[in-house]
Amino acid sequence: MKPTVRIGLCILVLLCLSQRGWAGTGADAATIIPSVVERGLSAFRVNGGEEAIRNWTRDGPLEGSRGEATEIAAIEKLEGLYGRFQGSSVIAEVELSPGSTLLYLEVRLEDGPIYVRLHVFDGRKGERVVGMTIGAAPEQILPPFVLERRTSGVPAP
């Protein structure tokens, strides 16, 4: 293979990897938020956490379940402690397989952040949240690779 062709292929591979993220190891500017997650965040912004959860669970296996009720109770308690929705960001995205993704979010409330893990599955009914965990302690929600990141040259504890 000619050197110019080899260099061109390397550039193409690097461009493809940069558009998708590196094997689902973290969120970047190329992270595409699934529509079911966007709808929930929009509902959170306007009507609060309970409505976000109801949007995330709608037409999925969690709708009307004990798990849904548990997460609604948790989010109501957290909103009571930290206030209303102020914004959100994707912390990490892990593609488990084609059509199955774990999405880790930080939701900024007025007086502190909360963390959300959503398992999004794209099946015969389209994208649905099939699992979720919500809490204020990042170490209980976020994966180890996120917590072990090092910033500003300060070693992780």
C-alpha atoms as a PDB file:
ATOM      1  CA  MET A   1       0.000   0.000   0.000  1.00  0.00           C
ATOM      2  CA  LYS A   2       1.336   3.425  -0.928  1.00  0.00           C
ATOM      3  CA  PRO A   3       2.285   5.735   1.980  1.00  0.00           C
ATOM      4  CA  THR A   4      -0.229   8.416   0.891  1.00  0.00           C
ATOM      5  CA  VAL A   5      -3.059   5.858   0.863  1.00  0.00           C
ATOM      6  CA  ARG A   6      -1.974   4.525   4.282  1.00  0.00           C
ATOM      7  CA  ILE A   7      -1.931   8.070   5.730  1.00  0.00           C
ATOM      8  CA  GLY A   8      -5.335   8.794   4.202  1.00  0.00           C
ATOM      9  CA  LEU A   9      -6.793   5.643   5.782  1.00  0.00           C
ATOM     10  CA  CYS A  10      -5.320   6.535   9.176  1.00  0.00           C
ATOM     11  CA  ILE A  11      -6.869  10.003   8.984  1.00  0.00           C
ATOM     12  CA  LEU A  12     -10.231   8.506   8.013  1.00  0.00           C
ATOM     13  CA  VAL A  13     -10.151   6.078  10.963  1.00  0.00           C
ATOM     14  CA  LEU A  14      -9.252   8.877  13.379  1.00  0.00           C
ATOM     15  CA  LEU A  15     -12.072  11.050  12.055  1.00  0.00           C
ATOM     16  CA  CYS A  16     -14.585   8.214  12.453  1.00  0.00           C
ATOM     17  CA  LEU A  17     -13.445   7.521  16.031  1.00  0.00           C
ATOM     18  CA  SER A  18     -13.616  11.190  16.966  1.00  0.00           C
ATOM     19  CA  GLN A  19     -17.210  11.455  15.687  1.00  0.00           C
ATOM     20  CA  ARG A  20     -18.465   8.521  17.777  1.00  0.00           C
ATOM     21  CA  GLY A  21     -16.309   8.723  20.874  1.00  0.00           C
ATOM     22  CA  TRP A  22     -13.767   6.087  21.823  1.00  0.00           C
ATOM     23  CA  ALA A  23     -15.617   2.793  22.336  1.00  0.00           C
ATOM     24  CA  GLY A  24     -18.203   4.410  24.556  1.00  0.00           C
ATOM     25  CA  THR A  25     -15.743   5.338  27.306  1.00  0.00           C
ATOM     26  CA  GLY A  26     -17.038   8.838  27.894  1.00  0.00           C
ATOM     27  CA  ALA A  27     -19.192  11.658  26.634  1.00  0.00           C
ATOM     28  CA  ASP A  28     -17.945  14.256  24.223  1.00  0.00           C
ATOM     29  CA  ALA A  29     -19.334  16.844  21.858  1.00  0.00           C
ATOM     30  CA  ALA A  30     -20.405  14.035  19.485  1.00  0.00           C
ATOM     31  CA  THR A  31     -22.693  12.377  22.045  1.00  0.00           C
ATOM     32  CA  ILE A  32     -26.178  12.164  20.643  1.00  0.00           C
ATOM     33  CA  ILE A  33     -28.790  12.167  23.391  1.00  0.00           C
ATOM     34  CA  PRO A  34     -31.590   9.691  22.618  1.00  0.00           C
ATOM     35  CA  SER A  35     -34.976  11.342  22.009  1.00  0.00           C
ATOM     36  CA  VAL A  36     -36.557   9.544  24.996  1.00  0.00           C
ATOM     37  CA  VAL A  37     -33.897  11.092  27.268  1.00  0.00           C
ATOM     38  CA  GLU A  38     -34.354  14.551  25.705  1.00  0.00           C
ATOM     39  CA  ARG A  39     -38.127  14.371  26.303  1.00  0.00           C
ATOM     40  CA  GLY A  40     -37.536  13.534  29.948  1.00  0.00           C
ATOM     41  CA  LEU A  41     -35.065  16.388  30.401  1.00  0.00           C
ATOM     42  CA  SER A  42     -37.489  18.825  28.762  1.00  0.00           C
ATOM     43  CA  ALA A  43     -40.232  17.631  31.108  1.00  0.00           C
ATOM     44  CA  PHE A  44     -37.840  18.006  34.071  1.00  0.00           C
ATOM     45  CA  ARG A  45     -37.101  21.596  33.045  1.00  0.00           C
ATOM     46  CA  VAL A  46     -40.801  22.525  32.826  1.00  0.00           C
ATOM     47  CA  ASN A  47     -42.664  20.261  35.275  1.00  0.00           C
ATOM     48  CA  GLY A  48     -40.091  18.717  37.610  1.00  0.00           C
ATOM     49  CA  GLY A  49     -38.473  15.356  38.223  1.00  0.00           C
ATOM     50  CA  GLU A  50     -41.597  13.243  38.543  1.00  0.00           C
ATOM     51  CA  GLU A  51     -42.675  14.232  35.046  1.00  0.00           C
ATOM     52  CA  ALA A  52     -39.166  13.470  33.761  1.00  0.00           C
ATOM     53  CA  ILE A  53     -39.361   9.953  35.162  1.00  0.00           C
ATOM     54  CA  ARG A  54     -42.855   9.425  33.747  1.00  0.00           C
ATOM     55  CA  ASN A  55     -41.527  10.471  30.311  1.00  0.00           C
ATOM     56  CA  TRP A  56     -38.521   8.163  30.604  1.00  0.00           C
ATOM     57  CA  THR A  57     -40.648   5.168  31.626  1.00  0.00           C
ATOM     58  CA  ARG A  58     -43.601   5.756  29.265  1.00  0.00           C
ATOM     59  CA  ASP A  59     -44.416   2.680  27.137  1.00  0.00           C
ATOM     60  CA  GLY A  60     -41.490   0.777  28.634  1.00  0.00           C
ATOM     61  CA  PRO A  61     -41.080  -2.040  31.137  1.00  0.00           C
ATOM     62  CA  LEU A  62     -40.710   0.389  34.075  1.00  0.00           C
ATOM     63  CA  GLU A  63     -44.008   2.206  33.495  1.00  0.00           C
ATOM     64  CA  GLY A  64     -46.214   1.723  36.556  1.00  0.00           C
ATOM     65  CA  SER A  65     -43.616  -0.485  38.259  1.00  0.00           C
ATOM     66  CA  ARG A  66     -42.293  -0.425  41.809  1.00  0.00           C
ATOM     67  CA  GLY A  67     -38.977   0.757  40.331  1.00  0.00           C
ATOM     68  CA  GLU A  68     -40.672   3.781  38.786  1.00  0.00           C
ATOM     69  CA  ALA A  69     -42.369   4.609  42.117  1.00  0.00           C
ATOM     70  CA  THR A  70     -39.029   4.281  43.942  1.00  0.00           C
ATOM     71  CA  GLU A  71     -37.284   6.687  41.565  1.00  0.00           C
ATOM     72  CA  ILE A  72     -40.178   9.173  41.745  1.00  0.00           C
ATOM     73  CA  ALA A  73     -39.948   9.169  45.551  1.00  0.00           C
ATOM     74  CA  ALA A  74     -36.163   9.653  45.329  1.00  0.00           C
ATOM     75  CA  ILE A  75     -36.381  12.555  42.885  1.00  0.00           C
ATOM     76  CA  GLU A  76     -39.095  14.285  44.908  1.00  0.00           C
ATOM     77  CA  LYS A  77     -36.879  14.070  48.003  1.00  0.00           C
ATOM     78  CA  LEU A  78     -33.863  15.387  46.086  1.00  0.00           C
ATOM     79  CA  GLU A  79     -35.847  18.277  44.612  1.00  0.00           C
ATOM     80  CA  GLY A  80     -37.023  19.115  48.140  1.00  0.00           C
ATOM     81  CA  LEU A  81     -33.394  19.285  49.259  1.00  0.00           C
ATOM     82  CA  TYR A  82     -31.752  20.890  46.218  1.00  0.00           C
ATOM     83  CA  GLY A  83     -34.488  22.838  44.442  1.00  0.00           C
ATOM     84  CA  ARG A  84     -35.584  23.104  40.831  1.00  0.00           C
ATOM     85  CA  PHE A  85     -33.918  22.056  37.597  1.00  0.00           C
ATOM     86  CA  GLN A  86     -31.231  24.422  36.304  1.00  0.00           C
ATOM     87  CA  GLY A  87     -29.550  22.379  33.583  1.00  0.00           C
ATOM     88  CA  SER A  88     -27.993  19.055  32.693  1.00  0.00           C
ATOM     89  CA  SER A  89     -24.996  17.524  30.996  1.00  0.00           C
ATOM     90  CA  VAL A  90     -23.962  14.107  29.790  1.00  0.00           C
ATOM     91  CA  ILE A  91     -21.038  12.802  31.831  1.00  0.00           C
ATOM     92  CA  ALA A  92     -20.503   9.503  30.037  1.00  0.00           C
ATOM     93  CA  GLU A  93     -22.027   7.179  27.488  1.00  0.00           C
ATOM     94  CA  VAL A  94     -21.306   3.464  27.375  1.00  0.00           C
ATOM     95  CA  GLU A  95     -22.492   1.512  24.367  1.00  0.00           C
ATOM     96  CA  LEU A  96     -23.121  -1.998  25.669  1.00  0.00           C
ATOM     97  CA  SER A  97     -24.125  -3.285  22.238  1.00  0.00           C
ATOM     98  CA  PRO A  98     -25.802  -1.862  19.149  1.00  0.00           C
ATOM     99  CA  GLY A  99     -29.112  -0.515  20.473  1.00  0.00           C
ATOM    100  CA  SER A 100     -28.237  -0.756  24.172  1.00  0.00           C
ATOM    101  CA  THR A 101     -26.578   2.220  25.889  1.00  0.00           C
ATOM    102  CA  LEU A 102     -25.936   3.416  29.431  1.00  0.00           C
ATOM    103  CA  LEU A 103     -26.144   7.193  29.703  1.00  0.00           C
ATOM    104  CA  TYR A 104     -24.806   9.004  32.778  1.00  0.00           C
ATOM    105  CA  LEU A 105     -26.113  12.511  33.438  1.00  0.00           C
ATOM    106  CA  GLU A 106     -25.498  15.279  35.927  1.00  0.00           C
ATOM    107  CA  VAL A 107     -28.639  17.301  36.570  1.00  0.00           C
ATOM    108  CA  ARG A 108     -27.923  20.663  38.145  1.00  0.00           C
ATOM    109  CA  LEU A 109     -30.560  21.797  40.616  1.00  0.00           C
ATOM    110  CA  GLU A 110     -30.560  25.173  42.385  1.00  0.00           C
ATOM    111  CA  ASP A 111     -28.511  24.025  45.384  1.00  0.00           C
ATOM    112  CA  GLY A 112     -26.581  21.015  44.122  1.00  0.00           C
ATOM    113  CA  PRO A 113     -26.225  18.309  41.494  1.00  0.00           C
ATOM    114  CA  ILE A 114     -27.909  14.936  41.236  1.00  0.00           C
ATOM    115  CA  TYR A 115     -26.821  12.028  39.074  1.00  0.00           C
ATOM    116  CA  VAL A 116     -28.845   9.829  36.756  1.00  0.00           C
ATOM    117  CA  ARG A 117     -28.000   6.528  35.074  1.00  0.00           C
ATOM    118  CA  LEU A 118     -30.351   5.582  32.244  1.00  0.00           C
ATOM    119  CA  HIS A 119     -30.228   2.295  30.349  1.00  0.00           C
ATOM    120  CA  VAL A 120     -31.668   3.052  26.921  1.00  0.00           C
ATOM    121  CA  PHE A 121     -32.643   0.168  24.661  1.00  0.00           C
ATOM    122  CA  ASP A 122     -33.716   0.530  21.047  1.00  0.00           C
ATOM    123  CA  GLY A 123     -36.101  -2.357  20.416  1.00  0.00           C
ATOM    124  CA  ARG A 124     -39.256  -3.122  18.487  1.00  0.00           C
ATOM    125  CA  LYS A 125     -41.101  -0.211  20.167  1.00  0.00           C
ATOM    126  CA  GLY A 126     -38.256   2.233  19.525  1.00  0.00           C
ATOM    127  CA  GLU A 127     -36.015   3.796  22.164  1.00  0.00           C
ATOM    128  CA  ARG A 128     -37.118   3.043  25.722  1.00  0.00           C
ATOM    129  CA  VAL A 129     -35.541   3.458  29.135  1.00  0.00           C
ATOM    130  CA  VAL A 130     -35.331  -0.063  30.572  1.00  0.00           C
ATOM    131  CA  GLY A 131     -33.396   0.793  33.726  1.00  0.00           C
ATOM    132  CA  MET A 132     -32.603   3.864  35.804  1.00  0.00           C
ATOM    133  CA  THR A 133     -30.932   4.941  39.016  1.00  0.00           C
ATOM    134  CA  ILE A 134     -31.079   8.449  40.494  1.00  0.00           C
ATOM    135  CA  GLY A 135     -29.174   9.847  43.465  1.00  0.00           C
ATOM    136  CA  ALA A 136     -27.061  12.625  44.919  1.00  0.00           C
ATOM    137  CA  ALA A 137     -23.918  10.565  45.548  1.00  0.00           C
ATOM    138  CA  PRO A 138     -21.851  10.347  42.355  1.00  0.00           C
ATOM    139  CA  GLU A 139     -19.981   7.275  43.617  1.00  0.00           C
ATOM    140  CA  GLN A 140     -23.284   5.364  43.761  1.00  0.00           C
ATOM    141  CA  ILE A 141     -24.349   6.257  40.210  1.00  0.00           C
ATOM    142  CA  LEU A 142     -21.284   6.897  38.043  1.00  0.00           C
ATOM    143  CA  PRO A 143     -19.015   4.144  36.710  1.00  0.00           C
ATOM    144  CA  PRO A 144     -15.505   3.784  38.158  1.00  0.00           C
ATOM    145  CA  PHE A 145     -13.772   5.031  35.001  1.00  0.00           C
ATOM    146  CA  VAL A 146     -15.490   8.413  35.440  1.00  0.00           C
ATOM    147  CA  LEU A 147     -14.617   8.665  39.118  1.00  0.00           C
ATOM    148  CA  GLU A 148     -10.995   7.730  38.419  1.00  0.00           C
ATOM    149  CA  ARG A 149     -10.440  10.512  35.886  1.00  0.00           C
ATOM    150  CA  ARG A 150      -7.687  12.855  36.904  1.00  0.00           C
ATOM    151  CA  THR A 151      -7.941  16.609  36.462  1.00  0.00           C
ATOM    152  CA  SER A 152      -5.526  19.469  37.055  1.00  0.00           C
ATOM    153  CA  GLY A 153      -2.697  17.019  37.717  1.00  0.00           C
ATOM    154  CA  VAL A 154      -4.222  16.050  41.066  1.00  0.00           C
ATOM    155  CA  PRO A 155      -4.230  12.271  41.564  1.00  0.00           C
ATOM    156  CA  ALA A 156      -7.579  10.632  42.208  1.00  0.00           C
ATOM    157  CA  PRO A 157      -8.056   9.485  45.840  1.00  0.00           C
END
